[in-house]
């Protein structure tokens, strides 16, 4: 006679509790990602109150998720949990970058360093959309300033050189940012040259018209 039944029953109960907690955390992570996406959309539309309110809702969900995983760290470090925290950090940072405010620290938003850095890289990539919006409004000065911000973030992120297990594949995210940065720089440079050419042609036509009328 062995105690195998007792052992298996105990294991089964613990695994069942872990599975229930996993389902709850997975649902929270999905809600956080949805809220983070909504914050970024609102930020691009300059709907500041909507962005702030939605970010507060995401913050409450993050606090709930952290509490849910406090006793089960394997769930906290699961991919879906860390992805949600990365998206949450991206929402915070994108809003700050578009509003040209100070960037929140990882500690301020209760996000670990790797999730924060990956969120920062993706927030910098989000600036491309904002820069193109500025170009459509002929605000080339502000577009240029934000391009410089993208370049500054990229230049700092490439100095982070640790194993992927520590940085959660930050190198890959940074490489993606480099591609976005290069496309944005090329688009902005081309558009500015076209704008300068149009301005020069308009001045030439104005002078020619003035001479004919004179």
N, C-alpha and C. Protein backbone atom coordinates (compact mmCIF):
# COMPACT_ATOMS: atom_id res chain seq x y z
N UNK A 1 0.85 -1.20 0.00
CA UNK A 1 0.00 0.00 0.00
C UNK A 1 0.89 1.25 0.00
N UNK A 2 0.67 2.13 -0.97
CA UNK A 2 1.47 3.36 -1.04
C UNK A 2 0.57 4.57 -0.84
N UNK A 3 1.23 5.69 -0.71
CA UNK A 3 0.48 6.95 -0.56
C UNK A 3 0.38 7.71 -1.89
N UNK A 4 0.46 6.98 -2.99
CA UNK A 4 0.46 7.62 -4.31
C UNK A 4 -0.82 8.38 -4.56
N UNK A 5 -1.96 7.84 -4.10
CA UNK A 5 -3.24 8.53 -4.32
C UNK A 5 -3.24 9.90 -3.63
N UNK A 6 -2.73 9.92 -2.42
CA UNK A 6 -2.68 11.18 -1.67
C UNK A 6 -1.77 12.20 -2.36
N UNK A 7 -0.63 11.72 -2.85
CA UNK A 7 0.31 12.61 -3.54
C UNK A 7 -0.30 13.17 -4.81
N UNK A 8 -0.88 12.28 -5.62
CA UNK A 8 -1.47 12.72 -6.89
C UNK A 8 -2.64 13.67 -6.65
N UNK A 9 -3.45 13.37 -5.64
CA UNK A 9 -4.59 14.24 -5.34
C UNK A 9 -4.12 15.64 -4.95
N UNK A 10 -3.06 15.70 -4.14
CA UNK A 10 -2.51 17.00 -3.74
C UNK A 10 -1.97 17.77 -4.93
N UNK A 11 -1.24 17.06 -5.80
CA UNK A 11 -0.70 17.70 -7.01
C UNK A 11 -1.83 18.20 -7.90
N UNK A 12 -2.85 17.37 -8.06
CA UNK A 12 -3.98 17.73 -8.92
C UNK A 12 -4.68 18.99 -8.40
N UNK A 13 -4.84 19.09 -7.10
CA UNK A 13 -5.49 20.27 -6.51
C UNK A 13 -4.66 21.52 -6.75
N UNK A 14 -3.34 21.40 -6.58
CA UNK A 14 -2.48 22.56 -6.78
C UNK A 14 -2.44 22.99 -8.25
N UNK A 15 -2.38 22.00 -9.12
CA UNK A 15 -2.38 22.32 -10.56
C UNK A 15 -3.71 22.94 -10.99
N UNK A 16 -4.79 22.47 -10.42
CA UNK A 16 -6.10 23.03 -10.74
C UNK A 16 -6.17 24.49 -10.30
N UNK A 17 -5.63 24.77 -9.11
CA UNK A 17 -5.61 26.15 -8.62
C UNK A 17 -4.74 27.03 -9.52
N UNK A 18 -3.60 26.48 -9.94
CA UNK A 18 -2.72 27.23 -10.85
C UNK A 18 -3.40 27.49 -12.18
N UNK A 19 -4.11 26.50 -12.69
CA UNK A 19 -4.80 26.66 -13.97
C UNK A 19 -5.90 27.72 -13.88
N UNK A 20 -6.63 27.73 -12.78
CA UNK A 20 -7.66 28.75 -12.60
C UNK A 20 -7.04 30.14 -12.53
N UNK A 21 -5.92 30.24 -11.80
CA UNK A 21 -5.22 31.52 -11.72
C UNK A 21 -4.70 31.93 -13.10
N UNK A 22 -4.21 30.96 -13.86
CA UNK A 22 -3.70 31.25 -15.21
C UNK A 22 -4.80 31.81 -16.09
N UNK A 23 -5.98 31.22 -16.04
CA UNK A 23 -7.10 31.70 -16.85
C UNK A 23 -7.46 33.13 -16.48
N UNK A 24 -7.43 33.42 -15.18
CA UNK A 24 -7.75 34.78 -14.72
C UNK A 24 -6.70 35.78 -15.18
N UNK A 25 -5.42 35.40 -15.07
CA UNK A 25 -4.33 36.29 -15.49
C UNK A 25 -4.35 36.48 -17.00
N UNK A 26 -4.63 35.42 -17.73
CA UNK A 26 -4.69 35.51 -19.19
C UNK A 26 -5.79 36.48 -19.62
N UNK A 27 -6.94 36.41 -18.97
CA UNK A 27 -8.03 37.34 -19.28
C UNK A 27 -7.63 38.77 -18.96
N UNK A 28 -6.97 38.97 -17.82
CA UNK A 28 -6.51 40.32 -17.45
C UNK A 28 -5.50 40.84 -18.47
N UNK A 29 -4.59 39.98 -18.90
CA UNK A 29 -3.57 40.42 -19.86
C UNK A 29 -4.21 40.88 -21.17
N UNK A 30 -5.25 40.18 -21.60
CA UNK A 30 -5.94 40.58 -22.83
C UNK A 30 -6.61 41.94 -22.66
N UNK A 31 -7.23 42.15 -21.52
CA UNK A 31 -7.88 43.44 -21.27
C UNK A 31 -6.85 44.58 -21.22
N UNK A 32 -5.70 44.30 -20.63
CA UNK A 32 -4.65 45.32 -20.54
C UNK A 32 -4.17 45.70 -21.94
N UNK A 33 -3.95 44.71 -22.79
CA UNK A 33 -3.51 44.98 -24.16
C UNK A 33 -4.55 45.81 -24.91
N UNK A 34 -5.82 45.49 -24.72
CA UNK A 34 -6.89 46.25 -25.37
C UNK A 34 -6.91 47.70 -24.89
N UNK A 35 -6.76 47.88 -23.59
CA UNK A 35 -6.74 49.24 -23.03
C UNK A 35 -5.53 50.02 -23.52
N UNK A 36 -4.38 49.35 -23.57
CA UNK A 36 -3.16 50.02 -24.03
C UNK A 36 -3.31 50.47 -25.48
N UNK A 37 -3.88 49.63 -26.32
CA UNK A 37 -4.10 50.00 -27.72
C UNK A 37 -5.04 51.19 -27.82
N UNK A 38 -6.06 51.22 -26.97
CA UNK A 38 -7.01 52.33 -26.98
C UNK A 38 -6.34 53.63 -26.54
N UNK A 39 -5.43 53.55 -25.59
CA UNK A 39 -4.68 54.74 -25.15
C UNK A 39 -3.87 55.31 -26.31
N UNK A 40 -3.18 54.45 -27.03
CA UNK A 40 -2.34 54.90 -28.14
C UNK A 40 -3.18 55.52 -29.25
N UNK A 41 -4.32 54.89 -29.56
CA UNK A 41 -5.21 55.47 -30.58
C UNK A 41 -5.69 56.86 -30.15
N UNK A 42 -6.08 56.99 -28.90
CA UNK A 42 -6.55 58.29 -28.40
C UNK A 42 -5.44 59.32 -28.42
N UNK A 43 -4.22 58.91 -28.11
CA UNK A 43 -3.09 59.84 -28.12
C UNK A 43 -2.84 60.38 -29.52
N UNK A 44 -2.91 59.51 -30.52
CA UNK A 44 -2.70 59.96 -31.91
C UNK A 44 -3.80 60.93 -32.35
N UNK A 45 -4.98 60.79 -31.78
CA UNK A 45 -6.09 61.69 -32.12
C UNK A 45 -6.13 62.94 -31.23
N UNK A 46 -5.17 63.03 -30.32
CA UNK A 46 -5.11 64.14 -29.36
C UNK A 46 -6.35 64.18 -28.46
N UNK A 47 -6.89 63.01 -28.19
CA UNK A 47 -8.02 62.90 -27.26
C UNK A 47 -7.43 62.62 -25.87
N UNK A 48 -6.92 63.69 -25.26
CA UNK A 48 -6.13 63.53 -24.04
C UNK A 48 -6.93 62.98 -22.86
N UNK A 49 -8.15 63.44 -22.70
CA UNK A 49 -8.96 62.96 -21.58
C UNK A 49 -9.29 61.48 -21.73
N UNK A 50 -9.63 61.08 -22.95
CA UNK A 50 -9.91 59.66 -23.20
C UNK A 50 -8.66 58.83 -22.93
N UNK A 51 -7.52 59.31 -23.39
CA UNK A 51 -6.26 58.58 -23.18
C UNK A 51 -5.96 58.44 -21.69
N UNK A 52 -6.12 59.52 -20.93
CA UNK A 52 -5.81 59.49 -19.50
C UNK A 52 -6.75 58.55 -18.75
N UNK A 53 -8.04 58.63 -19.07
CA UNK A 53 -9.03 57.77 -18.40
C UNK A 53 -8.77 56.30 -18.71
N UNK A 54 -8.50 56.01 -19.97
CA UNK A 54 -8.26 54.62 -20.37
C UNK A 54 -6.97 54.10 -19.76
N UNK A 55 -5.97 54.97 -19.64
CA UNK A 55 -4.71 54.56 -19.02
C UNK A 55 -4.92 54.25 -17.54
N UNK A 56 -5.76 55.03 -16.88
CA UNK A 56 -6.09 54.74 -15.47
C UNK A 56 -6.76 53.37 -15.35
N UNK A 57 -7.62 53.05 -16.29
CA UNK A 57 -8.29 51.74 -16.28
C UNK A 57 -7.27 50.62 -16.48
N UNK A 58 -6.32 50.85 -17.38
CA UNK A 58 -5.27 49.86 -17.61
C UNK A 58 -4.40 49.69 -16.36
N UNK A 59 -4.13 50.80 -15.68
CA UNK A 59 -3.32 50.75 -14.46
C UNK A 59 -4.00 49.90 -13.39
N UNK A 60 -5.31 50.04 -13.26
CA UNK A 60 -6.05 49.23 -12.29
C UNK A 60 -5.97 47.75 -12.64
N UNK A 61 -6.04 47.44 -13.92
CA UNK A 61 -5.94 46.04 -14.36
C UNK A 61 -4.55 45.48 -14.11
N UNK A 62 -3.52 46.30 -14.32
CA UNK A 62 -2.15 45.86 -14.06
C UNK A 62 -1.96 45.56 -12.57
N UNK A 63 -2.50 46.43 -11.72
CA UNK A 63 -2.41 46.20 -10.27
C UNK A 63 -3.10 44.89 -9.90
N UNK A 64 -4.23 44.65 -10.51
CA UNK A 64 -4.97 43.41 -10.25
C UNK A 64 -4.18 42.19 -10.72
N UNK A 65 -3.55 42.31 -11.88
CA UNK A 65 -2.76 41.21 -12.42
C UNK A 65 -1.54 40.92 -11.55
N UNK A 66 -0.89 41.96 -11.08
CA UNK A 66 0.29 41.77 -10.22
C UNK A 66 -0.12 41.10 -8.91
N UNK A 67 -1.26 41.50 -8.38
CA UNK A 67 -1.74 40.88 -7.15
C UNK A 67 -2.08 39.40 -7.39
N UNK A 68 -2.68 39.13 -8.54
CA UNK A 68 -3.08 37.76 -8.88
C UNK A 68 -1.87 36.84 -9.02
N UNK A 69 -0.75 37.38 -9.47
CA UNK A 69 0.44 36.56 -9.73
C UNK A 69 1.46 36.61 -8.60
N UNK A 70 1.15 37.35 -7.54
CA UNK A 70 2.13 37.54 -6.47
C UNK A 70 2.58 36.22 -5.85
N UNK A 71 1.64 35.30 -5.68
CA UNK A 71 1.97 34.01 -5.06
C UNK A 71 2.38 32.96 -6.08
N UNK A 72 2.29 33.30 -7.36
CA UNK A 72 2.63 32.34 -8.42
C UNK A 72 3.48 33.04 -9.47
N UNK A 73 4.75 33.14 -9.17
CA UNK A 73 5.67 33.89 -10.02
C UNK A 73 5.80 33.30 -11.42
N UNK A 74 5.54 32.00 -11.57
CA UNK A 74 5.62 31.42 -12.91
C UNK A 74 4.59 32.04 -13.84
N UNK A 75 3.47 32.49 -13.28
CA UNK A 75 2.46 33.17 -14.09
C UNK A 75 2.87 34.60 -14.38
N UNK A 76 3.54 35.23 -13.42
CA UNK A 76 3.98 36.61 -13.64
C UNK A 76 4.99 36.69 -14.78
N UNK A 77 5.88 35.70 -14.85
CA UNK A 77 6.93 35.73 -15.88
C UNK A 77 6.52 35.02 -17.16
N UNK A 78 5.27 34.59 -17.24
CA UNK A 78 4.77 33.98 -18.48
C UNK A 78 4.76 35.01 -19.60
N UNK A 79 4.86 34.53 -20.82
CA UNK A 79 4.94 35.44 -21.97
C UNK A 79 3.77 36.38 -22.08
N UNK A 80 2.55 35.89 -21.86
CA UNK A 80 1.37 36.75 -22.01
C UNK A 80 1.33 37.86 -20.96
N UNK A 81 1.83 37.56 -19.75
CA UNK A 81 1.87 38.59 -18.70
C UNK A 81 2.88 39.67 -19.05
N UNK A 82 4.07 39.27 -19.45
CA UNK A 82 5.11 40.24 -19.79
C UNK A 82 4.75 41.03 -21.05
N UNK A 83 4.09 40.39 -22.00
CA UNK A 83 3.64 41.11 -23.20
C UNK A 83 2.63 42.20 -22.82
N UNK A 84 1.74 41.88 -21.89
CA UNK A 84 0.75 42.87 -21.45
C UNK A 84 1.43 44.04 -20.77
N UNK A 85 2.44 43.76 -19.94
CA UNK A 85 3.17 44.83 -19.26
C UNK A 85 3.95 45.68 -20.27
N UNK A 86 4.48 45.02 -21.30
CA UNK A 86 5.18 45.77 -22.36
C UNK A 86 4.22 46.71 -23.07
N UNK A 87 3.03 46.23 -23.42
CA UNK A 87 2.03 47.07 -24.09
C UNK A 87 1.59 48.21 -23.19
N UNK A 88 1.47 47.92 -21.91
CA UNK A 88 1.09 48.95 -20.93
C UNK A 88 2.17 50.03 -20.85
N UNK A 89 3.43 49.60 -20.81
CA UNK A 89 4.53 50.57 -20.80
C UNK A 89 4.54 51.38 -22.09
N UNK A 90 4.30 50.72 -23.21
CA UNK A 90 4.25 51.43 -24.50
C UNK A 90 3.17 52.51 -24.50
N UNK A 91 2.02 52.21 -23.92
CA UNK A 91 0.94 53.19 -23.86
C UNK A 91 1.37 54.42 -23.06
N UNK A 92 1.95 54.18 -21.88
CA UNK A 92 2.45 55.28 -21.05
C UNK A 92 3.45 56.13 -21.83
N UNK A 93 4.41 55.47 -22.45
CA UNK A 93 5.52 56.16 -23.10
C UNK A 93 5.09 56.86 -24.38
N UNK A 94 4.21 56.24 -25.14
CA UNK A 94 3.71 56.88 -26.36
C UNK A 94 2.97 58.16 -26.03
N UNK A 95 2.12 58.10 -25.01
CA UNK A 95 1.38 59.29 -24.60
C UNK A 95 2.33 60.40 -24.16
N UNK A 96 3.35 60.04 -23.39
CA UNK A 96 4.32 61.03 -22.92
C UNK A 96 5.11 61.63 -24.09
N UNK A 97 5.51 60.80 -25.05
CA UNK A 97 6.29 61.29 -26.18
C UNK A 97 5.47 62.22 -27.07
N UNK A 98 4.22 61.85 -27.34
CA UNK A 98 3.39 62.69 -28.20
C UNK A 98 3.07 64.01 -27.52
N UNK A 99 2.88 63.97 -26.21
CA UNK A 99 2.58 65.20 -25.47
C UNK A 99 3.85 65.96 -25.09
N UNK A 100 5.01 65.38 -25.44
CA UNK A 100 6.31 66.00 -25.16
C UNK A 100 6.50 66.26 -23.68
N UNK A 101 6.06 65.32 -22.87
CA UNK A 101 6.27 65.40 -21.44
C UNK A 101 7.41 64.51 -21.01
N UNK A 102 7.76 64.53 -19.72
CA UNK A 102 8.83 63.64 -19.23
C UNK A 102 8.39 62.19 -19.29
N UNK A 103 9.32 61.32 -19.56
CA UNK A 103 9.00 59.90 -19.62
C UNK A 103 8.88 59.33 -18.21
N UNK A 104 7.85 58.54 -17.94
CA UNK A 104 7.75 57.90 -16.62
C UNK A 104 8.84 56.84 -16.48
N UNK A 105 9.29 56.61 -15.26
CA UNK A 105 10.30 55.59 -15.00
C UNK A 105 9.63 54.22 -14.87
N UNK A 106 10.42 53.15 -15.00
CA UNK A 106 9.84 51.82 -14.78
C UNK A 106 9.19 51.69 -13.41
N UNK A 107 9.84 52.23 -12.40
CA UNK A 107 9.29 52.14 -11.04
C UNK A 107 7.98 52.89 -10.91
N UNK A 108 7.88 54.03 -11.59
CA UNK A 108 6.67 54.85 -11.48
C UNK A 108 5.45 54.13 -12.03
N UNK A 109 5.64 53.30 -13.05
CA UNK A 109 4.49 52.61 -13.65
C UNK A 109 4.47 51.12 -13.29
N UNK A 110 5.36 50.73 -12.35
CA UNK A 110 5.37 49.35 -11.82
C UNK A 110 5.56 48.31 -12.93
N UNK A 111 6.57 48.56 -13.75
CA UNK A 111 6.89 47.63 -14.85
C UNK A 111 8.37 47.28 -14.75
N UNK A 112 8.69 46.01 -14.97
CA UNK A 112 10.08 45.58 -14.91
C UNK A 112 10.87 46.15 -16.10
N UNK A 113 12.20 46.14 -15.94
CA UNK A 113 13.07 46.83 -16.89
C UNK A 113 12.93 46.31 -18.32
N UNK A 114 12.89 45.00 -18.50
CA UNK A 114 12.83 44.45 -19.86
C UNK A 114 11.54 44.85 -20.56
N UNK A 115 10.42 44.74 -19.86
CA UNK A 115 9.13 45.14 -20.45
C UNK A 115 9.14 46.63 -20.76
N UNK A 116 9.76 47.42 -19.89
CA UNK A 116 9.84 48.87 -20.10
C UNK A 116 10.64 49.19 -21.36
N UNK A 117 11.81 48.58 -21.49
CA UNK A 117 12.68 48.88 -22.63
C UNK A 117 12.04 48.46 -23.95
N UNK A 118 11.40 47.30 -23.97
CA UNK A 118 10.70 46.88 -25.18
C UNK A 118 9.52 47.80 -25.48
N UNK A 119 8.84 48.24 -24.43
CA UNK A 119 7.75 49.19 -24.62
C UNK A 119 8.25 50.52 -25.15
N UNK A 120 9.44 50.94 -24.69
CA UNK A 120 10.04 52.19 -25.17
C UNK A 120 10.37 52.09 -26.65
N UNK A 121 10.92 50.96 -27.06
CA UNK A 121 11.25 50.77 -28.48
C UNK A 121 9.99 50.84 -29.34
N UNK A 122 8.92 50.22 -28.88
CA UNK A 122 7.68 50.23 -29.66
C UNK A 122 7.02 51.61 -29.62
N UNK A 123 7.17 52.32 -28.51
CA UNK A 123 6.63 53.68 -28.43
C UNK A 123 7.36 54.60 -29.42
N UNK A 124 8.68 54.41 -29.53
CA UNK A 124 9.44 55.20 -30.50
C UNK A 124 8.97 54.89 -31.92
N UNK A 125 8.67 53.63 -32.20
CA UNK A 125 8.15 53.28 -33.52
C UNK A 125 6.80 53.93 -33.78
N UNK A 126 5.99 54.09 -32.72
CA UNK A 126 4.69 54.74 -32.86
C UNK A 126 4.83 56.21 -33.28
N UNK A 127 5.99 56.80 -33.00
CA UNK A 127 6.19 58.20 -33.38
C UNK A 127 6.16 58.38 -34.90
N UNK A 128 6.45 57.33 -35.65
CA UNK A 128 6.40 57.44 -37.12
C UNK A 128 5.02 57.93 -37.56
N UNK A 129 3.98 57.33 -37.01
CA UNK A 129 2.61 57.72 -37.38
C UNK A 129 2.37 59.19 -37.03
N UNK A 130 2.85 59.60 -35.88
CA UNK A 130 2.64 60.99 -35.46
C UNK A 130 3.43 61.95 -36.35
N UNK A 131 4.64 61.56 -36.71
CA UNK A 131 5.46 62.39 -37.59
C UNK A 131 4.79 62.56 -38.95
N UNK A 132 4.25 61.49 -39.50
CA UNK A 132 3.57 61.58 -40.79
C UNK A 132 2.33 62.47 -40.70
N UNK A 133 1.64 62.43 -39.56
CA UNK A 133 0.50 63.34 -39.35
C UNK A 133 0.97 64.79 -39.35
N UNK A 134 2.11 65.05 -38.72
CA UNK A 134 2.66 66.41 -38.69
C UNK A 134 3.06 66.87 -40.09
N UNK A 135 3.62 65.96 -40.87
CA UNK A 135 4.01 66.30 -42.25
C UNK A 135 2.79 66.68 -43.07
N UNK A 136 1.69 65.95 -42.88
CA UNK A 136 0.46 66.28 -43.61
C UNK A 136 -0.06 67.67 -43.24
N UNK A 137 0.31 68.13 -42.04
CA UNK A 137 -0.10 69.48 -41.62
C UNK A 137 1.00 70.50 -41.90
N UNK A 138 2.04 70.08 -42.64
CA UNK A 138 3.17 70.96 -42.99
C UNK A 138 3.94 71.45 -41.77
N UNK A 139 3.89 70.70 -40.67
CA UNK A 139 4.65 71.08 -39.48
C UNK A 139 5.97 70.32 -39.49
N UNK A 140 6.86 70.76 -40.37
CA UNK A 140 8.12 70.06 -40.56
C UNK A 140 9.08 70.24 -39.38
N UNK A 141 8.99 71.38 -38.72
CA UNK A 141 9.88 71.62 -37.58
C UNK A 141 9.61 70.62 -36.46
N UNK A 142 8.34 70.45 -36.12
CA UNK A 142 7.99 69.51 -35.06
C UNK A 142 8.27 68.07 -35.49
N UNK A 143 8.01 67.77 -36.76
CA UNK A 143 8.31 66.43 -37.27
C UNK A 143 9.80 66.13 -37.14
N UNK A 144 10.63 67.12 -37.44
CA UNK A 144 12.07 66.95 -37.31
C UNK A 144 12.50 66.74 -35.88
N UNK A 145 11.87 67.46 -34.96
CA UNK A 145 12.21 67.30 -33.54
C UNK A 145 11.86 65.88 -33.06
N UNK A 146 10.72 65.38 -33.48
CA UNK A 146 10.33 64.03 -33.06
C UNK A 146 11.19 62.96 -33.71
N UNK A 147 11.64 63.22 -34.94
CA UNK A 147 12.58 62.28 -35.56
C UNK A 147 13.86 62.21 -34.73
N UNK A 148 14.30 63.35 -34.22
CA UNK A 148 15.49 63.37 -33.36
C UNK A 148 15.25 62.57 -32.08
N UNK A 149 14.04 62.63 -31.56
CA UNK A 149 13.69 61.85 -30.37
C UNK A 149 13.77 60.36 -30.68
N UNK A 150 13.23 59.96 -31.84
CA UNK A 150 13.33 58.56 -32.26
C UNK A 150 14.79 58.12 -32.33
N UNK A 151 15.62 58.96 -32.93
CA UNK A 151 17.03 58.62 -33.08
C UNK A 151 17.73 58.53 -31.72
N UNK A 152 17.35 59.42 -30.80
CA UNK A 152 17.95 59.40 -29.47
C UNK A 152 17.59 58.11 -28.73
N UNK A 153 16.32 57.73 -28.81
CA UNK A 153 15.89 56.50 -28.15
C UNK A 153 16.61 55.29 -28.74
N UNK A 154 16.69 55.24 -30.07
CA UNK A 154 17.36 54.12 -30.72
C UNK A 154 18.84 54.05 -30.31
N UNK A 155 19.50 55.20 -30.30
CA UNK A 155 20.93 55.22 -29.98
C UNK A 155 21.19 54.77 -28.55
N UNK A 156 20.24 54.98 -27.65
CA UNK A 156 20.41 54.52 -26.27
C UNK A 156 20.08 53.04 -26.14
N UNK A 157 19.05 52.59 -26.85
CA UNK A 157 18.64 51.19 -26.72
C UNK A 157 19.69 50.23 -27.26
N UNK A 158 20.41 50.63 -28.30
CA UNK A 158 21.41 49.71 -28.87
C UNK A 158 22.60 49.52 -27.94
N UNK A 159 22.70 50.33 -26.90
CA UNK A 159 23.79 50.15 -25.93
C UNK A 159 23.45 49.08 -24.89
N UNK A 160 22.19 48.66 -24.84
CA UNK A 160 21.78 47.62 -23.89
C UNK A 160 22.17 46.26 -24.47
N UNK A 161 23.15 45.63 -23.88
CA UNK A 161 23.70 44.40 -24.45
C UNK A 161 23.74 43.30 -23.39
N UNK A 162 22.61 42.64 -23.23
CA UNK A 162 22.50 41.53 -22.29
C UNK A 162 21.81 40.36 -22.98
N UNK A 163 21.89 39.17 -22.41
CA UNK A 163 21.24 38.01 -23.04
C UNK A 163 19.75 38.21 -23.24
N UNK A 164 19.22 37.57 -24.27
CA UNK A 164 17.79 37.69 -24.59
C UNK A 164 16.91 37.28 -23.42
N UNK A 165 17.37 36.30 -22.63
CA UNK A 165 16.58 35.84 -21.50
C UNK A 165 16.36 36.94 -20.47
N UNK A 166 17.27 37.90 -20.42
CA UNK A 166 17.15 39.01 -19.47
C UNK A 166 16.36 40.16 -20.07
N UNK A 167 16.61 40.45 -21.35
CA UNK A 167 15.99 41.62 -21.98
C UNK A 167 14.72 41.30 -22.77
N UNK A 168 14.31 40.02 -22.77
CA UNK A 168 13.10 39.61 -23.51
C UNK A 168 13.18 40.00 -24.99
N UNK A 169 14.32 39.63 -25.60
CA UNK A 169 14.52 39.87 -27.04
C UNK A 169 14.48 41.35 -27.42
N UNK A 170 15.07 42.17 -26.57
CA UNK A 170 15.11 43.61 -26.86
C UNK A 170 15.84 43.89 -28.17
N UNK A 171 16.87 43.10 -28.48
CA UNK A 171 17.63 43.35 -29.71
C UNK A 171 16.72 43.27 -30.93
N UNK A 172 15.83 42.30 -30.95
CA UNK A 172 14.90 42.17 -32.08
C UNK A 172 13.98 43.39 -32.17
N UNK A 173 13.46 43.83 -31.03
CA UNK A 173 12.59 45.01 -31.02
C UNK A 173 13.34 46.25 -31.46
N UNK A 174 14.60 46.36 -31.04
CA UNK A 174 15.42 47.50 -31.42
C UNK A 174 15.73 47.47 -32.92
N UNK A 175 15.97 46.28 -33.46
CA UNK A 175 16.20 46.15 -34.90
C UNK A 175 14.96 46.59 -35.69
N UNK A 176 13.79 46.25 -35.18
CA UNK A 176 12.55 46.68 -35.83
C UNK A 176 12.43 48.20 -35.78
N UNK A 177 12.81 48.79 -34.66
CA UNK A 177 12.80 50.25 -34.53
C UNK A 177 13.74 50.88 -35.55
N UNK A 178 14.90 50.28 -35.75
CA UNK A 178 15.85 50.82 -36.72
C UNK A 178 15.23 50.91 -38.11
N UNK A 179 14.51 49.85 -38.51
CA UNK A 179 13.84 49.87 -39.81
C UNK A 179 12.81 50.97 -39.91
N UNK A 180 12.02 51.13 -38.85
CA UNK A 180 11.00 52.19 -38.83
C UNK A 180 11.67 53.56 -38.87
N UNK A 181 12.76 53.71 -38.13
CA UNK A 181 13.48 54.98 -38.10
C UNK A 181 14.03 55.33 -39.47
N UNK A 182 14.62 54.37 -40.15
CA UNK A 182 15.20 54.64 -41.47
C UNK A 182 14.12 55.02 -42.48
N UNK A 183 12.98 54.33 -42.44
CA UNK A 183 11.88 54.68 -43.36
C UNK A 183 11.34 56.08 -43.06
N UNK A 184 11.23 56.38 -41.79
CA UNK A 184 10.69 57.69 -41.40
C UNK A 184 11.64 58.81 -41.80
N UNK A 185 12.93 58.59 -41.59
CA UNK A 185 13.92 59.59 -41.98
C UNK A 185 13.88 59.82 -43.48
N UNK A 186 13.79 58.72 -44.25
CA UNK A 186 13.72 58.85 -45.70
C UNK A 186 12.47 59.56 -46.16
N UNK A 187 11.33 59.21 -45.57
CA UNK A 187 10.06 59.85 -45.95
C UNK A 187 10.07 61.34 -45.62
N UNK A 188 10.58 61.66 -44.43
CA UNK A 188 10.60 63.07 -44.02
C UNK A 188 11.55 63.88 -44.89
N UNK A 189 12.72 63.33 -45.19
CA UNK A 189 13.69 64.03 -46.03
C UNK A 189 13.12 64.29 -47.42
N UNK A 190 12.51 63.27 -48.01
CA UNK A 190 11.94 63.42 -49.35
C UNK A 190 10.81 64.45 -49.36
N UNK A 191 9.95 64.38 -48.37
CA UNK A 191 8.81 65.31 -48.31
C UNK A 191 9.29 66.74 -48.11
N UNK A 192 10.30 66.93 -47.27
CA UNK A 192 10.83 68.28 -47.04
C UNK A 192 11.46 68.84 -48.31
N UNK A 193 12.16 67.99 -49.07
CA UNK A 193 12.77 68.46 -50.32
C UNK A 193 11.68 68.84 -51.33
N UNK A 194 10.62 68.05 -51.39
CA UNK A 194 9.51 68.37 -52.28
C UNK A 194 8.85 69.69 -51.87
N UNK A 195 8.71 69.88 -50.57
CA UNK A 195 8.12 71.12 -50.05
C UNK A 195 8.99 72.32 -50.41
N UNK A 196 10.30 72.17 -50.24
CA UNK A 196 11.22 73.26 -50.58
C UNK A 196 11.17 73.56 -52.08
N UNK A 197 11.08 72.51 -52.90
CA UNK A 197 11.01 72.71 -54.34
C UNK A 197 9.73 73.44 -54.73
N UNK A 198 8.62 73.03 -54.14
CA UNK A 198 7.34 73.69 -54.43
C UNK A 198 7.39 75.16 -54.02
N UNK A 199 8.01 75.41 -52.87
CA UNK A 199 8.13 76.79 -52.39
C UNK A 199 8.99 77.61 -53.35
N UNK A 200 10.10 77.02 -53.82
CA UNK A 200 10.98 77.73 -54.74
C UNK A 200 10.28 78.00 -56.07
N UNK A 201 9.51 77.02 -56.57
CA UNK A 201 8.77 77.22 -57.81
C UNK A 201 7.71 78.30 -57.66
N UNK A 202 7.05 78.32 -56.50
CA UNK A 202 6.03 79.34 -56.26
C UNK A 202 6.66 80.73 -56.25
N UNK A 203 7.83 80.85 -55.64
CA UNK A 203 8.53 82.15 -55.62
C UNK A 203 8.95 82.55 -57.03
N UNK A 204 9.44 81.58 -57.80
CA UNK A 204 9.86 81.87 -59.17
C UNK A 204 8.67 82.35 -60.00
N UNK A 205 7.54 81.68 -59.89
CA UNK A 205 6.35 82.07 -60.64
C UNK A 205 5.86 83.44 -60.20
N UNK A 206 5.97 83.72 -58.91
CA UNK A 206 5.53 85.03 -58.41
C UNK A 206 6.41 86.13 -58.98
N UNK A 207 7.73 85.91 -59.03
CA UNK A 207 8.64 86.91 -59.59
C UNK A 207 8.40 87.08 -61.09
N UNK A 208 8.17 85.96 -61.79
CA UNK A 208 7.92 86.05 -63.23
C UNK A 208 6.63 86.82 -63.51
N UNK A 209 5.62 86.57 -62.72
CA UNK A 209 4.34 87.29 -62.89
C UNK A 209 4.52 88.76 -62.61
N UNK A 210 5.31 89.08 -61.59
CA UNK A 210 5.56 90.48 -61.23
C UNK A 210 6.28 91.20 -62.36
N UNK A 211 7.25 90.52 -63.00
CA UNK A 211 7.98 91.15 -64.11
C UNK A 211 7.06 91.38 -65.30
N UNK A 212 6.21 90.39 -65.58
CA UNK A 212 5.30 90.55 -66.72
C UNK A 212 4.33 91.71 -66.48
N UNK A 213 3.87 91.82 -65.28
CA UNK A 213 2.91 92.88 -64.96
C UNK A 213 3.59 94.24 -64.84
N UNK A 214 4.90 94.18 -64.53
CA UNK A 214 5.62 95.44 -64.38
C UNK A 214 6.02 96.00 -65.72
